Every structure is written in C-alpha cells, then in structure tokens.
N, C-alpha and C. Protein backbone atom coordinates (compact mmCIF):
# COMPACT_ATOMS: atom_id res chain seq x y z
N UNK A 1 0.82 -1.20 0.00
CA UNK A 1 0.00 0.00 0.00
C UNK A 1 0.86 1.26 0.00
N UNK A 2 2.17 1.09 0.09
CA UNK A 2 3.07 2.24 0.14
C UNK A 2 3.00 3.10 -1.12
N UNK A 3 2.72 2.47 -2.26
CA UNK A 3 2.74 3.21 -3.52
C UNK A 3 1.39 3.83 -3.89
N UNK A 4 0.38 3.62 -3.06
CA UNK A 4 -0.96 4.14 -3.37
C UNK A 4 -1.08 5.63 -3.06
N UNK A 5 -1.85 6.33 -3.89
CA UNK A 5 -2.12 7.74 -3.60
C UNK A 5 -3.25 7.83 -2.56
N UNK A 6 -3.56 9.03 -2.14
CA UNK A 6 -4.56 9.24 -1.09
C UNK A 6 -5.91 8.61 -1.44
N UNK A 7 -6.38 8.84 -2.64
CA UNK A 7 -7.69 8.33 -3.05
C UNK A 7 -7.72 6.81 -3.01
N UNK A 8 -6.68 6.18 -3.52
CA UNK A 8 -6.63 4.72 -3.52
C UNK A 8 -6.45 4.15 -2.11
N UNK A 9 -5.69 4.84 -1.27
CA UNK A 9 -5.55 4.41 0.13
C UNK A 9 -6.89 4.42 0.85
N UNK A 10 -7.63 5.51 0.70
CA UNK A 10 -8.95 5.61 1.33
C UNK A 10 -9.86 4.51 0.80
N UNK A 11 -9.82 4.31 -0.50
CA UNK A 11 -10.65 3.29 -1.13
C UNK A 11 -10.32 1.89 -0.60
N UNK A 12 -9.03 1.56 -0.55
CA UNK A 12 -8.60 0.24 -0.08
C UNK A 12 -9.02 0.01 1.38
N UNK A 13 -8.82 1.00 2.23
CA UNK A 13 -9.23 0.86 3.64
C UNK A 13 -10.74 0.73 3.76
N UNK A 14 -11.47 1.49 2.95
CA UNK A 14 -12.93 1.42 2.96
C UNK A 14 -13.40 0.01 2.61
N UNK A 15 -12.85 -0.54 1.54
CA UNK A 15 -13.23 -1.90 1.12
C UNK A 15 -12.89 -2.90 2.22
N UNK A 16 -11.70 -2.78 2.79
CA UNK A 16 -11.26 -3.69 3.84
C UNK A 16 -12.21 -3.65 5.04
N UNK A 17 -12.57 -2.45 5.47
CA UNK A 17 -13.45 -2.31 6.63
C UNK A 17 -14.86 -2.78 6.33
N UNK A 18 -15.36 -2.49 5.14
CA UNK A 18 -16.71 -2.94 4.76
C UNK A 18 -16.78 -4.46 4.70
N UNK A 19 -15.77 -5.10 4.10
CA UNK A 19 -15.74 -6.56 4.04
C UNK A 19 -15.69 -7.16 5.44
N UNK A 20 -14.88 -6.55 6.29
CA UNK A 20 -14.73 -7.06 7.65
C UNK A 20 -16.03 -6.94 8.44
N UNK A 21 -16.69 -5.78 8.37
CA UNK A 21 -17.94 -5.62 9.12
C UNK A 21 -19.02 -6.56 8.58
N UNK A 22 -19.07 -6.73 7.26
CA UNK A 22 -20.05 -7.65 6.68
C UNK A 22 -19.77 -9.08 7.13
N UNK A 23 -18.50 -9.48 7.12
CA UNK A 23 -18.13 -10.83 7.53
C UNK A 23 -18.46 -11.08 9.00
N UNK A 24 -18.12 -10.13 9.86
CA UNK A 24 -18.39 -10.29 11.29
C UNK A 24 -19.90 -10.42 11.51
N UNK A 25 -20.69 -9.53 10.88
CA UNK A 25 -22.15 -9.60 11.03
C UNK A 25 -22.67 -10.96 10.57
N UNK A 26 -22.26 -11.37 9.37
CA UNK A 26 -22.79 -12.60 8.79
C UNK A 26 -22.34 -13.84 9.56
N UNK A 27 -21.17 -13.79 10.19
CA UNK A 27 -20.71 -14.91 11.02
C UNK A 27 -21.51 -15.01 12.32
N UNK A 28 -22.01 -13.88 12.81
CA UNK A 28 -22.69 -13.84 14.10
C UNK A 28 -24.22 -13.87 14.01
N UNK A 29 -24.76 -13.75 12.80
CA UNK A 29 -26.20 -13.63 12.65
C UNK A 29 -26.73 -14.57 11.57
N UNK A 30 -27.96 -14.99 11.79
CA UNK A 30 -28.60 -15.91 10.85
C UNK A 30 -28.93 -15.23 9.52
N UNK A 31 -29.40 -14.00 9.58
CA UNK A 31 -29.75 -13.26 8.35
C UNK A 31 -28.50 -12.60 7.79
N UNK A 32 -28.11 -13.00 6.60
CA UNK A 32 -26.96 -12.40 5.93
C UNK A 32 -27.40 -11.08 5.31
N UNK A 33 -26.58 -10.06 5.49
CA UNK A 33 -26.88 -8.74 4.94
C UNK A 33 -25.63 -8.24 4.22
N UNK A 34 -25.80 -7.87 2.96
CA UNK A 34 -24.67 -7.40 2.15
C UNK A 34 -24.35 -5.95 2.48
N UNK A 35 -23.18 -5.51 2.04
CA UNK A 35 -22.79 -4.10 2.24
C UNK A 35 -23.76 -3.14 1.57
N UNK A 36 -24.24 -3.49 0.40
CA UNK A 36 -25.21 -2.63 -0.30
C UNK A 36 -26.51 -2.54 0.49
N UNK A 37 -26.92 -3.64 1.07
CA UNK A 37 -28.13 -3.64 1.90
C UNK A 37 -27.92 -2.79 3.15
N UNK A 38 -26.73 -2.91 3.76
CA UNK A 38 -26.42 -2.07 4.94
C UNK A 38 -26.43 -0.60 4.57
N UNK A 39 -25.92 -0.29 3.40
CA UNK A 39 -25.88 1.08 2.91
C UNK A 39 -27.29 1.66 2.87
N UNK A 40 -28.22 0.91 2.32
CA UNK A 40 -29.62 1.35 2.23
C UNK A 40 -30.26 1.40 3.61
N UNK A 41 -30.05 0.38 4.43
CA UNK A 41 -30.60 0.39 5.79
C UNK A 41 -30.13 1.60 6.58
N UNK A 42 -28.85 1.94 6.43
CA UNK A 42 -28.29 3.09 7.14
C UNK A 42 -28.93 4.39 6.67
N UNK A 43 -29.16 4.50 5.36
CA UNK A 43 -29.82 5.71 4.84
C UNK A 43 -31.23 5.84 5.39
N UNK A 44 -31.96 4.74 5.49
CA UNK A 44 -33.30 4.77 6.06
C UNK A 44 -33.22 5.17 7.53
N UNK A 45 -32.28 4.59 8.25
CA UNK A 45 -32.09 4.91 9.68
C UNK A 45 -31.79 6.39 9.87
N UNK A 46 -30.95 6.95 9.01
CA UNK A 46 -30.60 8.37 9.10
C UNK A 46 -31.80 9.27 8.83
N UNK A 47 -32.81 8.74 8.16
CA UNK A 47 -34.04 9.49 7.88
C UNK A 47 -35.10 9.19 8.94
N UNK A 48 -34.66 8.91 10.14
CA UNK A 48 -35.56 8.62 11.28
C UNK A 48 -36.36 7.34 11.09
N UNK A 49 -35.82 6.41 10.30
CA UNK A 49 -36.44 5.10 10.15
C UNK A 49 -37.47 4.98 9.06
N UNK A 50 -37.78 6.09 8.36
CA UNK A 50 -38.75 6.01 7.26
C UNK A 50 -38.47 7.11 6.24
N UNK A 51 -38.58 6.73 4.97
CA UNK A 51 -38.37 7.66 3.87
C UNK A 51 -39.04 7.08 2.63
N UNK A 52 -38.85 7.71 1.50
CA UNK A 52 -39.39 7.15 0.25
C UNK A 52 -38.28 6.43 -0.51
N UNK A 53 -38.68 5.51 -1.34
CA UNK A 53 -37.71 4.81 -2.18
C UNK A 53 -37.01 5.81 -3.09
N UNK A 54 -37.76 6.77 -3.61
CA UNK A 54 -37.20 7.80 -4.48
C UNK A 54 -36.10 8.59 -3.75
N UNK A 55 -36.33 8.93 -2.50
CA UNK A 55 -35.36 9.67 -1.71
C UNK A 55 -34.08 8.85 -1.51
N UNK A 56 -34.23 7.58 -1.24
CA UNK A 56 -33.05 6.71 -1.06
C UNK A 56 -32.26 6.66 -2.37
N UNK A 57 -32.97 6.49 -3.48
CA UNK A 57 -32.31 6.40 -4.78
C UNK A 57 -31.46 7.63 -5.06
N UNK A 58 -31.93 8.79 -4.62
CA UNK A 58 -31.17 10.03 -4.84
C UNK A 58 -29.94 10.13 -3.95
N UNK A 59 -29.93 9.41 -2.83
CA UNK A 59 -28.85 9.52 -1.85
C UNK A 59 -27.74 8.50 -2.02
N UNK A 60 -28.02 7.40 -2.69
CA UNK A 60 -27.04 6.32 -2.77
C UNK A 60 -26.39 6.28 -4.15
N UNK A 61 -25.21 5.70 -4.18
CA UNK A 61 -24.47 5.56 -5.44
C UNK A 61 -24.71 4.16 -6.01
N UNK A 62 -25.99 3.85 -6.13
CA UNK A 62 -26.43 2.56 -6.68
C UNK A 62 -27.52 2.92 -7.70
N UNK A 63 -27.61 2.16 -8.77
CA UNK A 63 -28.64 2.47 -9.76
C UNK A 63 -30.03 2.33 -9.16
N UNK A 64 -30.99 2.99 -9.78
CA UNK A 64 -32.37 2.94 -9.32
C UNK A 64 -32.87 1.49 -9.30
N UNK A 65 -32.56 0.75 -10.37
CA UNK A 65 -33.00 -0.64 -10.46
C UNK A 65 -32.39 -1.49 -9.35
N UNK A 66 -31.11 -1.31 -9.09
CA UNK A 66 -30.44 -2.08 -8.04
C UNK A 66 -30.98 -1.70 -6.67
N UNK A 67 -31.26 -0.41 -6.46
CA UNK A 67 -31.83 0.04 -5.19
C UNK A 67 -33.17 -0.65 -4.95
N UNK A 68 -34.02 -0.70 -5.97
CA UNK A 68 -35.31 -1.38 -5.85
C UNK A 68 -35.11 -2.86 -5.53
N UNK A 69 -34.14 -3.49 -6.18
CA UNK A 69 -33.85 -4.91 -5.93
C UNK A 69 -33.42 -5.13 -4.48
N UNK A 70 -32.53 -4.27 -3.98
CA UNK A 70 -32.05 -4.42 -2.61
C UNK A 70 -33.18 -4.19 -1.60
N UNK A 71 -34.03 -3.22 -1.88
CA UNK A 71 -35.16 -2.96 -0.97
C UNK A 71 -36.10 -4.15 -0.95
N UNK A 72 -36.32 -4.78 -2.09
CA UNK A 72 -37.16 -5.98 -2.14
C UNK A 72 -36.53 -7.10 -1.31
N UNK A 73 -35.21 -7.26 -1.41
CA UNK A 73 -34.52 -8.27 -0.60
C UNK A 73 -34.64 -7.95 0.89
N UNK A 74 -34.50 -6.68 1.24
CA UNK A 74 -34.63 -6.27 2.64
C UNK A 74 -36.05 -6.53 3.15
N UNK A 75 -37.01 -6.34 2.29
CA UNK A 75 -38.41 -6.60 2.65
C UNK A 75 -38.61 -8.10 2.87
N UNK A 76 -38.05 -8.93 2.01
CA UNK A 76 -38.14 -10.38 2.16
C UNK A 76 -37.49 -10.86 3.46
N UNK A 77 -36.44 -10.15 3.87
CA UNK A 77 -35.74 -10.49 5.12
C UNK A 77 -36.42 -9.89 6.35
N UNK A 78 -37.54 -9.19 6.13
CA UNK A 78 -38.33 -8.57 7.21
C UNK A 78 -37.58 -7.45 7.92
N UNK A 79 -36.64 -6.80 7.20
CA UNK A 79 -35.89 -5.68 7.77
C UNK A 79 -36.58 -4.35 7.48
N UNK A 80 -37.35 -4.29 6.39
CA UNK A 80 -38.10 -3.08 6.03
C UNK A 80 -39.51 -3.46 5.59
N UNK A 81 -40.38 -2.47 5.63
CA UNK A 81 -41.73 -2.59 5.07
C UNK A 81 -41.87 -1.53 4.00
N UNK A 82 -42.50 -1.89 2.91
CA UNK A 82 -42.76 -0.95 1.82
C UNK A 82 -44.27 -0.77 1.72
N UNK A 83 -44.70 0.49 1.59
CA UNK A 83 -46.13 0.76 1.48
C UNK A 83 -46.34 1.98 0.58
N UNK A 84 -47.55 2.11 0.06
CA UNK A 84 -47.91 3.29 -0.71
C UNK A 84 -48.05 4.48 0.22
N UNK A 85 -47.68 5.64 -0.27
CA UNK A 85 -47.89 6.88 0.48
C UNK A 85 -49.34 7.28 0.29
N UNK A 86 -50.00 7.69 1.38
CA UNK A 86 -51.44 7.99 1.36
C UNK A 86 -51.84 8.98 0.28
N UNK A 87 -51.18 10.10 0.21
CA UNK A 87 -51.59 11.17 -0.70
C UNK A 87 -51.16 10.95 -2.15
N UNK A 88 -50.26 9.97 -2.41
CA UNK A 88 -49.79 9.73 -3.77
C UNK A 88 -49.44 8.25 -3.93
N UNK A 89 -50.31 7.49 -4.54
CA UNK A 89 -50.13 6.04 -4.67
C UNK A 89 -48.93 5.66 -5.53
N UNK A 90 -48.40 6.61 -6.29
CA UNK A 90 -47.22 6.31 -7.11
C UNK A 90 -45.95 6.30 -6.27
N UNK A 91 -46.00 6.95 -5.12
CA UNK A 91 -44.82 7.06 -4.25
C UNK A 91 -44.85 5.94 -3.23
N UNK A 92 -43.71 5.26 -3.08
CA UNK A 92 -43.59 4.17 -2.12
C UNK A 92 -42.73 4.62 -0.94
N UNK A 93 -43.25 4.38 0.25
CA UNK A 93 -42.49 4.66 1.46
C UNK A 93 -41.82 3.37 1.92
N UNK A 94 -40.66 3.51 2.50
CA UNK A 94 -39.96 2.35 3.06
C UNK A 94 -39.62 2.69 4.50
N UNK A 95 -39.88 1.72 5.38
CA UNK A 95 -39.73 1.94 6.81
C UNK A 95 -39.01 0.75 7.42
N UNK A 96 -38.12 1.03 8.37
CA UNK A 96 -37.47 -0.05 9.11
C UNK A 96 -38.50 -0.75 9.98
N UNK A 97 -38.48 -2.07 9.99
CA UNK A 97 -39.29 -2.81 10.94
C UNK A 97 -38.56 -2.77 12.29
N UNK A 98 -39.19 -3.24 13.34
CA UNK A 98 -38.50 -3.32 14.64
C UNK A 98 -37.25 -4.18 14.51
N UNK A 99 -37.36 -5.28 13.78
CA UNK A 99 -36.21 -6.15 13.55
C UNK A 99 -35.12 -5.39 12.79
N UNK A 100 -35.51 -4.62 11.77
CA UNK A 100 -34.56 -3.82 11.00
C UNK A 100 -33.88 -2.77 11.85
N UNK A 101 -34.66 -2.07 12.67
CA UNK A 101 -34.11 -1.05 13.56
C UNK A 101 -33.12 -1.66 14.54
N UNK A 102 -33.49 -2.79 15.14
CA UNK A 102 -32.59 -3.46 16.09
C UNK A 102 -31.32 -3.93 15.39
N UNK A 103 -31.46 -4.41 14.15
CA UNK A 103 -30.29 -4.86 13.39
C UNK A 103 -29.34 -3.71 13.10
N UNK A 104 -29.90 -2.56 12.70
CA UNK A 104 -29.06 -1.39 12.42
C UNK A 104 -28.33 -0.96 13.69
N UNK A 105 -29.04 -0.92 14.81
CA UNK A 105 -28.41 -0.52 16.08
C UNK A 105 -27.31 -1.49 16.48
N UNK A 106 -27.53 -2.78 16.27
CA UNK A 106 -26.48 -3.77 16.59
C UNK A 106 -25.29 -3.61 15.65
N UNK A 107 -25.55 -3.27 14.38
CA UNK A 107 -24.47 -3.06 13.43
C UNK A 107 -23.67 -1.81 13.77
N UNK A 108 -24.34 -0.78 14.24
CA UNK A 108 -23.65 0.43 14.69
C UNK A 108 -22.73 0.08 15.86
N UNK A 109 -23.22 -0.74 16.79
CA UNK A 109 -22.40 -1.17 17.93
C UNK A 109 -21.20 -1.99 17.46
N UNK A 110 -21.41 -2.85 16.47
CA UNK A 110 -20.32 -3.65 15.92
C UNK A 110 -19.24 -2.75 15.32
N UNK A 111 -19.66 -1.72 14.57
CA UNK A 111 -18.70 -0.79 13.96
C UNK A 111 -17.97 0.03 15.04
N UNK A 112 -18.67 0.38 16.10
CA UNK A 112 -18.04 1.11 17.20
C UNK A 112 -16.98 0.23 17.87
N UNK A 113 -17.29 -1.03 18.03
CA UNK A 113 -16.33 -1.98 18.61
C UNK A 113 -15.09 -2.10 17.72
N UNK A 114 -15.31 -2.16 16.42
CA UNK A 114 -14.18 -2.22 15.48
C UNK A 114 -13.37 -0.92 15.54
N UNK A 115 -14.06 0.21 15.64
CA UNK A 115 -13.37 1.49 15.77
C UNK A 115 -12.50 1.50 17.04
N UNK A 116 -13.02 0.95 18.14
CA UNK A 116 -12.26 0.88 19.38
C UNK A 116 -11.00 0.02 19.22
N UNK A 117 -11.12 -1.07 18.46
CA UNK A 117 -9.94 -1.92 18.22
C UNK A 117 -8.89 -1.17 17.40
N UNK A 118 -9.36 -0.39 16.43
CA UNK A 118 -8.44 0.42 15.63
C UNK A 118 -7.76 1.46 16.54
N UNK A 119 -8.54 2.05 17.44
CA UNK A 119 -8.00 3.06 18.37
C UNK A 119 -6.97 2.43 19.31
N UNK A 120 -7.18 1.18 19.70
CA UNK A 120 -6.19 0.48 20.53
C UNK A 120 -4.85 0.37 19.79
N UNK A 121 -4.93 0.14 18.49
CA UNK A 121 -3.71 -0.02 17.68
C UNK A 121 -3.07 1.32 17.34
N UNK A 122 -3.89 2.29 16.90
CA UNK A 122 -3.35 3.57 16.43
C UNK A 122 -3.28 4.64 17.52
N UNK A 123 -4.12 4.50 18.53
CA UNK A 123 -4.24 5.53 19.56
C UNK A 123 -5.52 6.33 19.33
N UNK A 124 -6.18 6.67 20.41
CA UNK A 124 -7.44 7.40 20.35
C UNK A 124 -7.28 8.75 19.67
N UNK A 125 -6.17 9.44 19.98
CA UNK A 125 -5.94 10.77 19.40
C UNK A 125 -5.82 10.69 17.88
N UNK A 126 -5.13 9.66 17.38
CA UNK A 126 -4.97 9.50 15.94
C UNK A 126 -6.31 9.20 15.26
N UNK A 127 -7.12 8.37 15.88
CA UNK A 127 -8.43 8.06 15.31
C UNK A 127 -9.31 9.30 15.31
N UNK A 128 -9.30 10.05 16.41
CA UNK A 128 -10.08 11.30 16.47
C UNK A 128 -9.61 12.28 15.40
N UNK A 129 -8.32 12.38 15.22
CA UNK A 129 -7.76 13.29 14.20
C UNK A 129 -8.17 12.85 12.79
N UNK A 130 -8.11 11.54 12.54
CA UNK A 130 -8.51 11.00 11.24
C UNK A 130 -9.98 11.32 10.96
N UNK A 131 -10.83 11.13 11.95
CA UNK A 131 -12.26 11.44 11.79
C UNK A 131 -12.46 12.94 11.53
N UNK A 132 -11.70 13.76 12.21
CA UNK A 132 -11.79 15.21 12.00
C UNK A 132 -11.39 15.58 10.58
N UNK A 133 -10.31 15.00 10.09
CA UNK A 133 -9.85 15.28 8.73
C UNK A 133 -10.89 14.81 7.71
N UNK A 134 -11.48 13.64 7.92
CA UNK A 134 -12.46 13.12 6.98
C UNK A 134 -13.75 13.93 6.98
N UNK A 135 -14.09 14.55 8.10
CA UNK A 135 -15.29 15.39 8.18
C UNK A 135 -15.08 16.79 7.61
N UNK A 136 -13.84 17.21 7.48
CA UNK A 136 -13.52 18.55 7.00
C UNK A 136 -13.93 18.71 5.54
N UNK A 137 -14.40 19.88 5.18
CA UNK A 137 -14.71 20.19 3.78
C UNK A 137 -13.39 20.29 3.03
N UNK A 138 -13.20 19.43 2.06
CA UNK A 138 -11.96 19.40 1.31
C UNK A 138 -12.01 20.32 0.09
N UNK A 139 -13.10 21.02 -0.09
CA UNK A 139 -13.21 21.94 -1.21
C UNK A 139 -13.32 21.25 -2.56
N UNK A 140 -13.82 20.02 -2.55
CA UNK A 140 -14.00 19.29 -3.81
C UNK A 140 -15.45 18.85 -3.92
N UNK A 141 -15.89 18.71 -5.14
CA UNK A 141 -17.25 18.24 -5.41
C UNK A 141 -17.28 17.73 -6.84
N UNK A 142 -18.47 17.41 -7.31
CA UNK A 142 -18.56 16.97 -8.70
C UNK A 142 -18.16 18.10 -9.65
N UNK A 143 -18.26 19.35 -9.17
CA UNK A 143 -17.83 20.49 -9.99
C UNK A 143 -16.32 20.46 -10.20
N UNK A 144 -15.58 19.85 -9.28
CA UNK A 144 -14.13 19.75 -9.38
C UNK A 144 -13.71 18.97 -10.61
N UNK A 145 -14.58 18.07 -11.06
CA UNK A 145 -14.22 17.25 -12.22
C UNK A 145 -13.96 18.09 -13.45
N UNK A 146 -14.46 19.31 -13.47
CA UNK A 146 -14.23 20.21 -14.61
C UNK A 146 -12.76 20.62 -14.69
N UNK A 147 -12.02 20.49 -13.57
CA UNK A 147 -10.61 20.83 -13.55
C UNK A 147 -9.78 19.81 -14.34
N UNK A 148 -10.23 18.57 -14.33
CA UNK A 148 -9.45 17.48 -14.89
C UNK A 148 -9.49 17.47 -16.39
C-alpha cells in the first residue's frame, strides 16, 4: 500500500473495513446482509427510520434498479416494510421494521467496537484526528471534475 495515492488508500481501507464488518455480522447472525443492503438500511435509519424509495435512490451511489432490488430483498428479510404513500399512490415509502431497527443498532455497535480496536492499535488521538480530517470540507465536489 506504500505506492498508493490518497484516493486509492482511502478506497482500499474502505473496502477492507466494509468486508470485515459484513463478515463479522454474517458470522454472528442468521440473516446475511450485504454491504449494499447495509448502505440502504443506514440511509433509512438516518431518515428517522422512514423515507421514500425515491429519496433513497437520490442519496445512494447505486442504480435505481439495483436500489429497488435491494429494498425488495430487505423486505423479504423482514428488515423493512414498503407501502404506498397515502396522498400519492405512485410514491412508495420504506420503513425499518422493529427487527430492521434493532439490526441497524447492533451493526452500529459492531462498527463502534471495530473502531475501538483500531484506536487500541493507532491511539485514540490518531483516530479522532482522522475522523476530524475526513469530516472537513476538502473543497472538492462533482464540480471539481471540470478541472481534470
């Protein structure tokens, strides 16, 4: 990893951590949940446990078709419920079930435990600093692509 640039380093660590959290969850739980499914569950959780499918599609870097497929899988696993919105039957709402909410909370705890293990290795100050740097506005956006 010594020869990787910043973007590739972040990407490699992200993949490593996502695979690890997925593996730990799937080893400890009967219901297997993929990283893409966790991504969608987390977005629903961040929206206070309920949002529209359209809203999720706008927030994730997954195609609309794939998002619908993952939501259907989550519904089959009893992690979410999908229903028509009262005032507009064309709009579908998606809501975490109690099982889905508990699963997300347990996954958050799992990630916190992993973060603590990383802090044991790197030091709490280094982890806090890394989080601060990642939260900072880097002055880049999709508009930056015009520079390239």
